[in-house]
Amino acid sequence: KGSESCILWTSAEKERVNFILEKCNLTHLFSYVKYSDKNNIQNDINWFIKFFKCNKSDLCFIEDNENIIESVAGNSIKIVNVKHIKNIGDLPG
C-alpha cells in the first residue's frame, strides 16, 4: 500500500524527528508521525487499530527497543527488531 499504510511511531522529540525526516528526504515515506512516550503500549495499539480501521493481526511494527518489542509481541502482533534488518528483503511483506 505504500506510505498511506506506514506511520512513524516515535518517542523522539518532534523537532529532531522533523529535522531527520526532512534532511534525509524521508517525509514522503510516512502518512503520519505518531508521537508517544510508549509507556502505554496497549493504548498506542488501540490508536493504530482505530487509525487504520483494521484488526491487530493486520499491524506490523519495526522497533529497536527490546522492551517495546516484548510488549508488542505479547499482544500477538507482528514485530521485527530493526537490528535484524540488513536489506529491504528482510522487511515484512
C-alpha atoms as a PDB file:
ATOM      1  CA  LYS A   1       0.000   0.000   0.000  1.00  0.00           C
ATOM      2  CA  GLY A   2       2.940   2.362   0.327  1.00  0.00           C
ATOM      3  CA  SER A   3       3.201   5.385   2.569  1.00  0.00           C
ATOM      4  CA  GLU A   4      -0.554   5.594   3.231  1.00  0.00           C
ATOM      5  CA  SER A   5      -0.223   2.468   5.362  1.00  0.00           C
ATOM      6  CA  CYS A   6       3.027   3.461   7.046  1.00  0.00           C
ATOM      7  CA  ILE A   7       3.280   5.535  10.224  1.00  0.00           C
ATOM      8  CA  LEU A   8       6.385   6.567  12.091  1.00  0.00           C
ATOM      9  CA  TRP A   9       5.804   5.732  15.779  1.00  0.00           C
ATOM     10  CA  THR A  10       8.400   7.530  17.856  1.00  0.00           C
ATOM     11  CA  SER A  11       9.208   8.763  21.324  1.00  0.00           C
ATOM     12  CA  ALA A  12      11.806  11.190  19.976  1.00  0.00           C
ATOM     13  CA  GLU A  13      11.428  14.967  20.137  1.00  0.00           C
ATOM     14  CA  LYS A  14       9.269  16.427  17.373  1.00  0.00           C
ATOM     15  CA  GLU A  15      11.937  18.905  16.205  1.00  0.00           C
ATOM     16  CA  ARG A  16      14.557  16.156  15.966  1.00  0.00           C
ATOM     17  CA  VAL A  17      12.224  13.847  14.043  1.00  0.00           C
ATOM     18  CA  ASN A  18      11.182  16.570  11.592  1.00  0.00           C
ATOM     19  CA  PHE A  19      14.809  17.558  11.008  1.00  0.00           C
ATOM     20  CA  ILE A  20      15.891  13.971  10.276  1.00  0.00           C
ATOM     21  CA  LEU A  21      12.895  13.243   8.032  1.00  0.00           C
ATOM     22  CA  GLU A  22      13.443  16.409   6.009  1.00  0.00           C
ATOM     23  CA  LYS A  23      17.248  16.272   5.888  1.00  0.00           C
ATOM     24  CA  CYS A  24      17.241  12.612   4.783  1.00  0.00           C
ATOM     25  CA  ASN A  25      14.305  13.113   2.389  1.00  0.00           C
ATOM     26  CA  LEU A  26      12.148  10.535   4.222  1.00  0.00           C
ATOM     27  CA  THR A  27       8.989  12.569   4.817  1.00  0.00           C
ATOM     28  CA  HIS A  28       7.198  11.008   1.835  1.00  0.00           C
ATOM     29  CA  LEU A  29       7.541   7.510   3.324  1.00  0.00           C
ATOM     30  CA  PHE A  30       5.056   8.147   6.137  1.00  0.00           C
ATOM     31  CA  SER A  31       1.427   9.206   6.084  1.00  0.00           C
ATOM     32  CA  TYR A  32       1.597  10.298   9.728  1.00  0.00           C
ATOM     33  CA  VAL A  33       4.005  10.621  12.648  1.00  0.00           C
ATOM     34  CA  LYS A  34       2.635   9.251  15.932  1.00  0.00           C
ATOM     35  CA  TYR A  35       4.478  10.811  18.862  1.00  0.00           C
ATOM     36  CA  SER A  36       4.221   8.768  22.034  1.00  0.00           C
ATOM     37  CA  ASP A  37       6.190   8.195  25.201  1.00  0.00           C
ATOM     38  CA  LYS A  38       5.449   4.488  24.550  1.00  0.00           C
ATOM     39  CA  ASN A  39       4.593   3.971  28.213  1.00  0.00           C
ATOM     40  CA  ASN A  40       1.158   2.521  27.450  1.00  0.00           C
ATOM     41  CA  ILE A  41       1.630   0.179  24.520  1.00  0.00           C
ATOM     42  CA  GLN A  42      -1.952  -1.088  24.636  1.00  0.00           C
ATOM     43  CA  ASN A  43      -3.324   2.456  24.221  1.00  0.00           C
ATOM     44  CA  ASP A  44      -1.000   3.027  21.270  1.00  0.00           C
ATOM     45  CA  ILE A  45      -2.007  -0.286  19.677  1.00  0.00           C
ATOM     46  CA  ASN A  46      -5.669   0.683  20.044  1.00  0.00           C
ATOM     47  CA  TRP A  47      -4.876   4.038  18.430  1.00  0.00           C
ATOM     48  CA  PHE A  48      -3.277   2.266  15.431  1.00  0.00           C
ATOM     49  CA  ILE A  49      -6.270  -0.062  15.072  1.00  0.00           C
ATOM     50  CA  LYS A  50      -8.635   2.920  15.006  1.00  0.00           C
ATOM     51  CA  PHE A  51      -6.407   4.956  12.677  1.00  0.00           C
ATOM     52  CA  PHE A  52      -6.096   2.151  10.125  1.00  0.00           C
ATOM     53  CA  LYS A  53      -9.584   0.707  10.762  1.00  0.00           C
ATOM     54  CA  CYS A  54      -8.032  -2.741  10.989  1.00  0.00           C
ATOM     55  CA  ASN A  55      -7.553  -5.710  13.291  1.00  0.00           C
ATOM     56  CA  LYS A  56      -4.456  -6.032  15.424  1.00  0.00           C
ATOM     57  CA  SER A  57      -3.461  -9.038  13.302  1.00  0.00           C
ATOM     58  CA  ASP A  58      -3.102  -6.600  10.368  1.00  0.00           C
ATOM     59  CA  LEU A  59      -0.496  -4.495  12.178  1.00  0.00           C
ATOM     60  CA  CYS A  60       3.243  -4.910  11.849  1.00  0.00           C
ATOM     61  CA  PHE A  61       5.884  -2.943  13.725  1.00  0.00           C
ATOM     62  CA  ILE A  62       9.594  -2.389  13.243  1.00  0.00           C
ATOM     63  CA  GLU A  63      11.255  -1.423  16.524  1.00  0.00           C
ATOM     64  CA  ASP A  64      14.676  -1.221  18.175  1.00  0.00           C
ATOM     65  CA  ASN A  65      13.736  -1.141  21.862  1.00  0.00           C
ATOM     66  CA  GLU A  66      13.711  -4.661  23.337  1.00  0.00           C
ATOM     67  CA  ASN A  67      11.097  -3.767  25.989  1.00  0.00           C
ATOM     68  CA  ILE A  68       8.729  -2.384  23.359  1.00  0.00           C
ATOM     69  CA  ILE A  69       9.344  -5.430  21.156  1.00  0.00           C
ATOM     70  CA  GLU A  70       8.410  -7.773  24.002  1.00  0.00           C
ATOM     71  CA  SER A  71       5.319  -5.761  24.872  1.00  0.00           C
ATOM     72  CA  VAL A  72       4.040  -5.586  21.283  1.00  0.00           C
ATOM     73  CA  ALA A  73       4.833  -9.258  20.635  1.00  0.00           C
ATOM     74  CA  GLY A  74       2.948 -10.114  23.837  1.00  0.00           C
ATOM     75  CA  ASN A  75      -0.153  -8.717  22.141  1.00  0.00           C
ATOM     76  CA  SER A  76       0.170 -11.258  19.300  1.00  0.00           C
ATOM     77  CA  ILE A  77       1.204  -8.570  16.825  1.00  0.00           C
ATOM     78  CA  LYS A  78       3.910  -8.973  14.191  1.00  0.00           C
ATOM     79  CA  ILE A  79       7.052  -7.087  15.144  1.00  0.00           C
ATOM     80  CA  VAL A  80      10.555  -7.070  13.675  1.00  0.00           C
ATOM     81  CA  ASN A  81      13.659  -5.969  15.502  1.00  0.00           C
ATOM     82  CA  VAL A  82      15.268  -3.282  13.327  1.00  0.00           C
ATOM     83  CA  LYS A  83      18.676  -4.707  14.272  1.00  0.00           C
ATOM     84  CA  HIS A  84      17.814  -7.838  12.255  1.00  0.00           C
ATOM     85  CA  ILE A  85      17.100  -5.931   9.049  1.00  0.00           C
ATOM     86  CA  LYS A  86      20.101  -5.997   6.745  1.00  0.00           C
ATOM     87  CA  ASN A  87      18.337  -5.222   3.446  1.00  0.00           C
ATOM     88  CA  ILE A  88      14.898  -4.439   2.051  1.00  0.00           C
ATOM     89  CA  GLY A  89      14.148  -8.147   1.596  1.00  0.00           C
ATOM     90  CA  ASP A  90      14.221  -8.597   5.383  1.00  0.00           C
ATOM     91  CA  LEU A  91      11.185  -6.341   5.842  1.00  0.00           C
ATOM     92  CA  PRO A  92       7.821  -7.972   6.482  1.00  0.00           C
ATOM     93  CA  GLY A  93       5.562  -8.159   3.419  1.00  0.00           C
END
